C-alpha atoms as a PDB file:
ATOM      1  CA  MET A   1      -0.004   0.005  -0.009  1.00  0.00           C
ATOM      2  CA  ARG A   2       1.571   3.296  -1.170  1.00  0.00           C
ATOM      3  CA  CYS A   3       1.800   5.832   1.675  1.00  0.00           C
ATOM      4  CA  LEU A   4       2.249   9.609   1.773  1.00  0.00           C
ATOM      5  CA  ILE A   5       3.096  11.631   4.877  1.00  0.00           C
ATOM      6  CA  VAL A   6       1.640  15.139   5.054  1.00  0.00           C
ATOM      7  CA  ASP A   7       2.945  17.059   8.074  1.00  0.00           C
ATOM      8  CA  ASP A   8       4.737  20.344   8.686  1.00  0.00           C
ATOM      9  CA  GLU A   9       6.950  18.836  11.421  1.00  0.00           C
ATOM     10  CA  PRO A  10      10.253  17.169  10.339  1.00  0.00           C
ATOM     11  CA  LEU A  11      10.198  14.987  13.472  1.00  0.00           C
ATOM     12  CA  ALA A  12       6.804  13.573  12.476  1.00  0.00           C
ATOM     13  CA  HIS A  13       8.223  12.733   9.032  1.00  0.00           C
ATOM     14  CA  ALA A  14      11.101  10.839  10.610  1.00  0.00           C
ATOM     15  CA  ILE A  15       8.941   8.848  13.048  1.00  0.00           C
ATOM     16  CA  LEU A  16       6.245   7.901  10.544  1.00  0.00           C
ATOM     17  CA  SER A  17       8.819   7.042   7.875  1.00  0.00           C
ATOM     18  CA  ASP A  18      10.515   4.652  10.291  1.00  0.00           C
ATOM     19  CA  TYR A  19       7.206   3.037  11.242  1.00  0.00           C
ATOM     20  CA  ILE A  20       6.142   2.602   7.612  1.00  0.00           C
ATOM     21  CA  GLN A  21       9.417   0.894   6.749  1.00  0.00           C
ATOM     22  CA  LYS A  22       8.833  -1.645   9.523  1.00  0.00           C
ATOM     23  CA  VAL A  23       5.513  -2.828   8.053  1.00  0.00           C
ATOM     24  CA  PRO A  24       5.934  -5.077   4.979  1.00  0.00           C
ATOM     25  CA  PHE A  25       2.616  -4.208   3.362  1.00  0.00           C
ATOM     26  CA  LEU A  26       3.307  -0.451   3.481  1.00  0.00           C
ATOM     27  CA  GLU A  27       5.476   1.470   1.024  1.00  0.00           C
ATOM     28  CA  LEU A  28       6.541   5.075   1.573  1.00  0.00           C
ATOM     29  CA  VAL A  29       6.240   6.986  -1.726  1.00  0.00           C
ATOM     30  CA  GLY A  30       6.638  10.491  -0.362  1.00  0.00           C
ATOM     31  CA  ALA A  31       6.638  12.957   2.531  1.00  0.00           C
ATOM     32  CA  THR A  32       5.680  16.586   2.179  1.00  0.00           C
ATOM     33  CA  THR A  33       4.928  19.676   4.260  1.00  0.00           C
ATOM     34  CA  SER A  34       2.554  20.964   1.583  1.00  0.00           C
ATOM     35  CA  PRO A  35      -1.087  19.797   1.553  1.00  0.00           C
ATOM     36  CA  ILE A  36      -1.432  21.268  -1.939  1.00  0.00           C
ATOM     37  CA  ASP A  37       1.379  19.050  -3.207  1.00  0.00           C
ATOM     38  CA  ALA A  38      -0.214  16.092  -1.443  1.00  0.00           C
ATOM     39  CA  LEU A  39      -3.591  16.807  -3.020  1.00  0.00           C
ATOM     40  CA  THR A  40      -1.978  16.768  -6.460  1.00  0.00           C
ATOM     41  CA  GLN A  41      -0.412  13.342  -5.793  1.00  0.00           C
ATOM     42  CA  VAL A  42      -3.729  11.949  -4.531  1.00  0.00           C
ATOM     43  CA  GLN A  43      -5.522  13.239  -7.636  1.00  0.00           C
ATOM     44  CA  ARG A  44      -2.960  11.473  -9.826  1.00  0.00           C
ATOM     45  CA  GLY A  45      -3.862   8.179  -8.161  1.00  0.00           C
ATOM     46  CA  THR A  46      -0.299   7.476  -6.973  1.00  0.00           C
ATOM     47  CA  VAL A  47      -1.207   7.261  -3.283  1.00  0.00           C
ATOM     48  CA  ASP A  48      -3.331   4.698  -1.423  1.00  0.00           C
ATOM     49  CA  LEU A  49      -2.939   5.958   2.152  1.00  0.00           C
ATOM     50  CA  VAL A  50      -2.224   9.413   3.579  1.00  0.00           C
ATOM     51  CA  PHE A  51      -0.930  10.077   7.083  1.00  0.00           C
ATOM     52  CA  LEU A  52      -2.353  13.559   7.553  1.00  0.00           C
ATOM     53  CA  ASP A  53      -1.618  16.228  10.146  1.00  0.00           C
ATOM     54  CA  ILE A  54      -4.498  18.588  10.987  1.00  0.00           C
ATOM     55  CA  GLN A  55      -2.867  21.860  12.046  1.00  0.00           C
ATOM     56  CA  MET A  56      -0.884  23.101   9.023  1.00  0.00           C
ATOM     57  CA  PRO A  57      -0.431  26.707   7.877  1.00  0.00           C
ATOM     58  CA  GLU A  58      -1.201  26.276   4.178  1.00  0.00           C
ATOM     59  CA  LEU A  59      -4.320  24.138   4.454  1.00  0.00           C
ATOM     60  CA  THR A  60      -5.816  22.375   7.456  1.00  0.00           C
ATOM     61  CA  GLY A  61      -6.274  18.620   7.498  1.00  0.00           C
ATOM     62  CA  MET A  62     -10.040  18.977   7.519  1.00  0.00           C
ATOM     63  CA  GLN A  63      -9.971  21.254   4.488  1.00  0.00           C
ATOM     64  CA  PHE A  64      -7.713  18.702   2.782  1.00  0.00           C
ATOM     65  CA  LEU A  65     -10.219  15.903   3.481  1.00  0.00           C
ATOM     66  CA  LYS A  66     -13.080  17.902   1.978  1.00  0.00           C
ATOM     67  CA  LEU A  67     -11.044  18.709  -1.137  1.00  0.00           C
ATOM     68  CA  VAL A  68     -10.083  15.051  -1.572  1.00  0.00           C
ATOM     69  CA  GLU A  69     -13.698  13.944  -1.301  1.00  0.00           C
ATOM     70  CA  ARG A  70     -14.763  16.459  -3.956  1.00  0.00           C
ATOM     71  CA  ALA A  71     -11.861  15.668  -6.268  1.00  0.00           C
ATOM     72  CA  VAL A  72     -11.580  11.878  -6.158  1.00  0.00           C
ATOM     73  CA  GLY A  73     -14.278  10.553  -3.843  1.00  0.00           C
ATOM     74  CA  GLU A  74     -13.775   8.481  -0.697  1.00  0.00           C
ATOM     75  CA  SER A  75     -12.747   5.161  -2.202  1.00  0.00           C
ATOM     76  CA  ARG A  76      -9.582   6.160  -4.070  1.00  0.00           C
ATOM     77  CA  CYS A  77      -7.455   7.044  -1.037  1.00  0.00           C
ATOM     78  CA  ARG A  78      -7.622   6.289   2.681  1.00  0.00           C
ATOM     79  CA  VAL A  79      -6.570   8.716   5.413  1.00  0.00           C
ATOM     80  CA  ILE A  80      -5.150   8.288   8.931  1.00  0.00           C
ATOM     81  CA  LEU A  81      -5.084  11.545  10.900  1.00  0.00           C
ATOM     82  CA  THR A  82      -1.960  12.281  12.972  1.00  0.00           C
ATOM     83  CA  THR A  83      -2.242  15.213  15.357  1.00  0.00           C
ATOM     84  CA  ALA A  84      -1.448  16.528  18.816  1.00  0.00           C
ATOM     85  CA  TYR A  85      -5.056  17.637  19.274  1.00  0.00           C
ATOM     86  CA  SER A  86      -8.096  15.490  20.044  1.00  0.00           C
ATOM     87  CA  THR A  87     -10.505  18.303  19.176  1.00  0.00           C
ATOM     88  CA  TYR A  88     -11.206  17.124  15.629  1.00  0.00           C
ATOM     89  CA  ALA A  89     -11.663  13.405  16.288  1.00  0.00           C
ATOM     90  CA  LEU A  90     -15.419  13.321  15.737  1.00  0.00           C
ATOM     91  CA  GLU A  91     -15.229  15.492  12.616  1.00  0.00           C
ATOM     92  CA  GLY A  92     -12.472  13.277  11.267  1.00  0.00           C
ATOM     93  CA  TYR A  93     -14.594  10.136  11.555  1.00  0.00           C
ATOM     94  CA  GLU A  94     -17.420  11.944   9.772  1.00  0.00           C
ATOM     95  CA  HIS A  95     -15.056  12.025   6.792  1.00  0.00           C
ATOM     96  CA  ASN A  96     -14.500   8.245   7.054  1.00  0.00           C
ATOM     97  CA  VAL A  97     -10.871   8.401   8.171  1.00  0.00           C
ATOM     98  CA  VAL A  98      -9.325   5.057   9.009  1.00  0.00           C
ATOM     99  CA  ASP A  99      -8.094   6.162  12.420  1.00  0.00           C
ATOM    100  CA  TYR A 100      -7.161   9.183  14.536  1.00  0.00           C
ATOM    101  CA  LEU A 101      -3.655   9.023  16.040  1.00  0.00           C
ATOM    102  CA  LEU A 102      -2.645  11.388  18.833  1.00  0.00           C
ATOM    103  CA  LYS A 103       0.998  12.439  18.997  1.00  0.00           C
ATOM    104  CA  PRO A 104       3.346  11.184  20.293  1.00  0.00           C
ATOM    105  CA  ILE A 105       2.475   8.035  18.364  1.00  0.00           C
ATOM    106  CA  SER A 106       3.834   4.659  19.479  1.00  0.00           C
ATOM    107  CA  PHE A 107       4.584   1.964  16.941  1.00  0.00           C
ATOM    108  CA  GLU A 108       2.042  -0.343  18.602  1.00  0.00           C
ATOM    109  CA  ARG A 109      -0.705   2.242  18.144  1.00  0.00           C
ATOM    110  CA  PHE A 110       0.452   2.927  14.568  1.00  0.00           C
ATOM    111  CA  TYR A 111       0.380  -0.774  13.687  1.00  0.00           C
ATOM    112  CA  LYS A 112      -3.094  -1.153  15.179  1.00  0.00           C
ATOM    113  CA  ALA A 113      -4.299   1.710  12.968  1.00  0.00           C
ATOM    114  CA  VAL A 114      -2.946   0.317   9.691  1.00  0.00           C
ATOM    115  CA  GLN A 115      -4.400  -3.104  10.469  1.00  0.00           C
ATOM    116  CA  LYS A 116      -7.856  -1.497  10.292  1.00  0.00           C
ATOM    117  CA  LEU A 117      -7.326  -1.237   6.541  1.00  0.00           C
ATOM    118  CA  PHE A 118      -7.668  -5.021   6.352  1.00  0.00           C
ATOM    119  CA  PRO A 119     -10.527  -6.321   8.463  1.00  0.00           C
ATOM    120  CA  PRO A 120     -10.142 -10.003   9.398  1.00  0.00           C
ATOM    121  CA  VAL A 121     -11.791 -12.484   7.073  1.00  0.00           C
ATOM    122  CA  LYS A 122     -14.214 -14.628   9.021  1.00  0.00           C
ATOM    123  CA  ALA A 123     -17.558 -16.284   8.574  1.00  0.00           C
ATOM    124  CA  GLU A 124     -20.423 -14.425  10.166  1.00  0.00           C
ATOM    125  CA  LYS A 125     -23.901 -15.478  11.155  1.00  0.00           C
ATOM    126  CA  THR A 126     -26.409 -14.270   8.594  1.00  0.00           C
ATOM    127  CA  ASP A 127     -29.965 -14.910   7.521  1.00  0.00           C
ATOM    128  CA  LEU A 128     -28.834 -16.378   4.214  1.00  0.00           C
ATOM    129  CA  THR A 129     -30.227 -19.638   2.961  1.00  0.00           C
ATOM    130  CA  PRO A 130     -27.878 -22.630   3.523  1.00  0.00           C
ATOM    131  CA  ALA A 131     -26.765 -22.625  -0.116  1.00  0.00           C
ATOM    132  CA  ALA A 132     -26.122 -18.872  -0.110  1.00  0.00           C
ATOM    133  CA  ALA A 133     -24.291 -19.101   3.213  1.00  0.00           C
ATOM    134  CA  VAL A 134     -21.931 -21.713   1.814  1.00  0.00           C
ATOM    135  CA  HIS A 135     -21.255 -19.565  -1.250  1.00  0.00           C
ATOM    136  CA  ASP A 136     -20.655 -16.474   0.922  1.00  0.00           C
ATOM    137  CA  SER A 137     -18.183 -18.199   3.251  1.00  0.00           C
ATOM    138  CA  VAL A 138     -16.308 -20.396   0.824  1.00  0.00           C
ATOM    139  CA  PHE A 139     -13.279 -18.098   0.756  1.00  0.00           C
ATOM    140  CA  THR A 140     -13.321 -17.088   4.434  1.00  0.00           C
ATOM    141  CA  ALA A 141     -12.103 -20.401   5.830  1.00  0.00           C
ATOM    142  CA  ILE A 142     -10.875 -23.701   4.504  1.00  0.00           C
ATOM    143  CA  PRO A 143     -11.750 -26.500   6.920  1.00  0.00           C
ATOM    144  CA  PRO A 144      -9.243 -29.272   7.658  1.00  0.00           C
ATOM    145  CA  GLU A 145     -11.203 -31.800   5.609  1.00  0.00           C
ATOM    146  CA  ALA A 146     -10.771 -29.598   2.513  1.00  0.00           C
ATOM    147  CA  THR A 147      -6.977 -29.819   2.553  1.00  0.00           C
ATOM    148  CA  THR A 148      -6.982 -32.636   0.025  1.00  0.00           C
ATOM    149  CA  LYS A 149      -7.057 -29.797  -2.524  1.00  0.00           C
ATOM    150  CA  ASP A 150      -3.772 -28.852  -4.142  1.00  0.00           C
ATOM    151  CA  PHE A 151      -4.198 -25.135  -3.438  1.00  0.00           C
ATOM    152  CA  ILE A 152      -5.470 -22.679  -0.837  1.00  0.00           C
ATOM    153  CA  PHE A 153      -6.755 -19.106  -0.984  1.00  0.00           C
ATOM    154  CA  VAL A 154      -5.148 -16.474   1.244  1.00  0.00           C
ATOM    155  CA  LYS A 155      -6.125 -12.867   1.891  1.00  0.00           C
ATOM    156  CA  THR A 156      -3.561 -10.421   0.559  1.00  0.00           C
ATOM    157  CA  GLU A 157      -3.686  -6.627   0.481  1.00  0.00           C
ATOM    158  CA  TYR A 158      -6.682  -6.186  -1.796  1.00  0.00           C
ATOM    159  CA  ARG A 159      -7.820  -9.669  -2.799  1.00  0.00           C
ATOM    160  CA  LEU A 160      -7.992 -13.386  -2.132  1.00  0.00           C
ATOM    161  CA  GLN A 161      -5.046 -14.997  -3.885  1.00  0.00           C
ATOM    162  CA  ARG A 162      -4.736 -18.610  -4.910  1.00  0.00           C
ATOM    163  CA  VAL A 163      -1.529 -20.350  -3.780  1.00  0.00           C
ATOM    164  CA  ASP A 164      -0.625 -23.756  -5.156  1.00  0.00           C
ATOM    165  CA  LEU A 165       0.604 -26.006  -2.340  1.00  0.00           C
ATOM    166  CA  SER A 166       3.306 -27.461  -4.580  1.00  0.00           C
ATOM    167  CA  GLU A 167       4.858 -23.998  -4.914  1.00  0.00           C
ATOM    168  CA  ILE A 168       5.221 -23.258  -1.206  1.00  0.00           C
ATOM    169  CA  LEU A 169       8.754 -23.500   0.192  1.00  0.00           C
ATOM    170  CA  TYR A 170       8.043 -22.307   3.713  1.00  0.00           C
ATOM    171  CA  CYS A 171       5.952 -19.785   5.683  1.00  0.00           C
ATOM    172  CA  GLU A 172       7.217 -17.218   8.160  1.00  0.00           C
ATOM    173  CA  GLY A 173       4.905 -15.558  10.703  1.00  0.00           C
ATOM    174  CA  LEU A 174       5.055 -12.220  12.504  1.00  0.00           C
ATOM    175  CA  LYS A 175       2.139 -11.077  14.676  1.00  0.00           C
ATOM    176  CA  ASP A 176      -0.998 -10.966  12.511  1.00  0.00           C
ATOM    177  CA  TYR A 177       0.480 -11.596   9.091  1.00  0.00           C
ATOM    178  CA  VAL A 178       2.394 -14.417   7.431  1.00  0.00           C
ATOM    179  CA  SER A 179       4.880 -14.415   4.558  1.00  0.00           C
ATOM    180  CA  ILE A 180       4.483 -17.381   2.208  1.00  0.00           C
ATOM    181  CA  TYR A 181       7.662 -18.015   0.224  1.00  0.00           C
ATOM    182  CA  THR A 182       7.637 -19.666  -3.218  1.00  0.00           C
ATOM    183  CA  PRO A 183      10.511 -19.992  -5.721  1.00  0.00           C
ATOM    184  CA  THR A 184       9.336 -16.849  -7.507  1.00  0.00           C
ATOM    185  CA  GLU A 185       7.657 -14.577  -4.953  1.00  0.00           C
ATOM    186  CA  ARG A 186       6.867 -13.718  -1.370  1.00  0.00           C
ATOM    187  CA  ILE A 187       3.133 -13.526  -0.620  1.00  0.00           C
ATOM    188  CA  LEU A 188       2.070 -11.510   2.409  1.00  0.00           C
ATOM    189  CA  THR A 189      -1.197 -12.700   3.903  1.00  0.00           C
ATOM    190  CA  LEU A 190      -3.077 -11.095   6.773  1.00  0.00           C
ATOM    191  CA  GLN A 191      -3.698 -13.998   9.118  1.00  0.00           C
ATOM    192  CA  THR A 192      -2.039 -15.832  11.988  1.00  0.00           C
ATOM    193  CA  MET A 193       0.302 -18.799  11.760  1.00  0.00           C
ATOM    194  CA  LYS A 194      -2.295 -20.881  13.594  1.00  0.00           C
ATOM    195  CA  SER A 195      -5.003 -20.200  11.014  1.00  0.00           C
ATOM    196  CA  LEU A 196      -2.653 -20.914   8.111  1.00  0.00           C
ATOM    197  CA  ASP A 197      -1.373 -24.090   9.760  1.00  0.00           C
ATOM    198  CA  GLU A 198      -4.953 -25.345   9.993  1.00  0.00           C
ATOM    199  CA  LYS A 199      -5.396 -24.901   6.224  1.00  0.00           C
ATOM    200  CA  LEU A 200      -2.293 -26.852   5.209  1.00  0.00           C
ATOM    201  CA  PRO A 201      -2.357 -30.667   4.874  1.00  0.00           C
ATOM    202  CA  VAL A 202      -0.427 -32.313   7.726  1.00  0.00           C
ATOM    203  CA  ASN A 203       1.146 -34.882   5.401  1.00  0.00           C
ATOM    204  CA  GLN A 204       2.798 -32.130   3.348  1.00  0.00           C
ATOM    205  CA  PHE A 205       3.630 -29.373   5.847  1.00  0.00           C
ATOM    206  CA  ALA A 206       5.050 -29.205   9.357  1.00  0.00           C
ATOM    207  CA  ARG A 207       5.145 -26.485  12.001  1.00  0.00           C
ATOM    208  CA  VAL A 208       8.767 -26.529  13.141  1.00  0.00           C
ATOM    209  CA  HIS A 209       8.921 -23.275  15.088  1.00  0.00           C
ATOM    210  CA  LYS A 210       6.447 -20.741  16.461  1.00  0.00           C
ATOM    211  CA  SER A 211       7.329 -18.575  13.449  1.00  0.00           C
ATOM    212  CA  TYR A 212       7.883 -21.202  10.702  1.00  0.00           C
ATOM    213  CA  ILE A 213       6.009 -23.818   8.720  1.00  0.00           C
ATOM    214  CA  VAL A 214       7.959 -25.827   6.127  1.00  0.00           C
ATOM    215  CA  ALA A 215       6.975 -27.857   3.086  1.00  0.00           C
ATOM    216  CA  LEU A 216       8.342 -31.322   3.751  1.00  0.00           C
ATOM    217  CA  ASN A 217       9.134 -32.081   0.124  1.00  0.00           C
ATOM    218  CA  ARG A 218      11.162 -28.852  -0.140  1.00  0.00           C
ATOM    219  CA  ILE A 219      13.596 -29.690   2.667  1.00  0.00           C
ATOM    220  CA  GLU A 220      17.101 -30.121   1.240  1.00  0.00           C
ATOM    221  CA  SER A 221      18.930 -31.012   4.451  1.00  0.00           C
ATOM    222  CA  ILE A 222      18.721 -30.856   8.243  1.00  0.00           C
ATOM    223  CA  GLU A 223      21.729 -30.056  10.378  1.00  0.00           C
ATOM    224  CA  ARG A 224      21.953 -29.271  14.091  1.00  0.00           C
ATOM    225  CA  ASN A 225      18.256 -28.471  14.395  1.00  0.00           C
ATOM    226  CA  ARG A 226      18.334 -26.238  11.353  1.00  0.00           C
ATOM    227  CA  ILE A 227      16.411 -26.871   8.145  1.00  0.00           C
ATOM    228  CA  PHE A 228      17.872 -25.800   4.823  1.00  0.00           C
ATOM    229  CA  ILE A 229      15.471 -24.889   2.010  1.00  0.00           C
ATOM    230  CA  GLN A 230      17.249 -23.260  -0.907  1.00  0.00           C
ATOM    231  CA  LYS A 231      18.998 -20.201   0.641  1.00  0.00           C
ATOM    232  CA  ALA A 232      16.817 -20.133   3.746  1.00  0.00           C
ATOM    233  CA  VAL A 233      18.024 -21.510   7.107  1.00  0.00           C
ATOM    234  CA  ILE A 234      15.045 -22.278   9.352  1.00  0.00           C
ATOM    235  CA  PRO A 235      15.397 -23.094  13.073  1.00  0.00           C
ATOM    236  CA  ILE A 236      13.613 -26.025  14.675  1.00  0.00           C
ATOM    237  CA  GLY A 237      12.020 -24.874  17.935  1.00  0.00           C
ATOM    238  CA  ASP A 238      12.290 -26.935  21.108  1.00  0.00           C
ATOM    239  CA  THR A 239       8.508 -27.236  21.340  1.00  0.00           C
ATOM    240  CA  TYR A 240       8.232 -28.726  17.848  1.00  0.00           C
ATOM    241  CA  ARG A 241      11.454 -30.785  17.663  1.00  0.00           C
ATOM    242  CA  ASP A 242      10.167 -34.194  18.792  1.00  0.00           C
ATOM    243  CA  SER A 243       6.998 -34.141  16.691  1.00  0.00           C
ATOM    244  CA  PHE A 244       8.928 -33.001  13.624  1.00  0.00           C
ATOM    245  CA  TYR A 245      11.550 -35.728  13.820  1.00  0.00           C
ATOM    246  CA  LYS A 246       8.863 -38.357  14.410  1.00  0.00           C
ATOM    247  CA  LEU A 247       7.070 -37.086  11.315  1.00  0.00           C
ATOM    248  CA  ILE A 248      10.094 -37.325   9.014  1.00  0.00           C
ATOM    249  CA  ASP A 249      11.269 -40.624  10.504  1.00  0.00           C
ATOM    250  CA  GLY A 250       7.837 -42.192  10.061  1.00  0.00           C
END
C-alpha cells in the first residue's frame, strides 16, 4: 500500500517514515509539508494511504479531506489523521478516516491503525439460505477436511489470492500476518500462523517453530536443528522438535 506523509513537522516525518518501513505491506512513496502538493499526488492516483496532520499553515487537514472527497471521492485514497489535538476526532470520523492518532504516536498504536485497513476475514452469522451461506463463506475459511485440494486461498492486500501447495517453500509468521515463500515470490497474507497451519495438509507441511512452517518435500537437508530450504536456514524450535523428527522418521 503506497503511503504519503503530510505534516509540517520534520520529526513527524522521521517517526512515521521509520514506522512505515517496519511494516511489509506499506510502502513510503513520499513525505511533504505541503497539503497542496499532497492533493496533487492523490488526484494522480499514486497514493493509497495518507498520514495527515491537521494543524498546518497552508491548508488544514479537515480542508484537505473535503477537497479530496470532492476531487476523487472516498474510495480512491484512505486517510489516517496524525495530530497533537483530540478536538477534531469526531469530525475526522465523519469524513471516514481510518483512524485518529494522537502524537506522540507509538509503533504499537500505529500498527493497530494500519491493520484496520484489512478487516479479518471470518464467517459471520447471517440470515442467508444454507446454499447462499456456503457460497458467501467459501473463501473465508478452509476446513481441515478440505486440505486434500492442491491449493489454498489467502487474503492479501486487496484480494483473495490462490496459492498452489506445490509452490510453497516455507511460511514465516510475525504477529498478525504471514509471509508465504515460493521460488518466484513472497506472498504476504493477513492472518495468523495458527489459522494458516490449519489450512495446510499435515502430510505435506510441518510447523517446526512458532514462526515457521515448512513444506516437507522442499527440505534439502537438516543439520543441528536447522532446516535448509534453498537459501533459507530455518530453526527447529524446542517445542516442535520431537514431533517434527517423528514425522520425518515415520
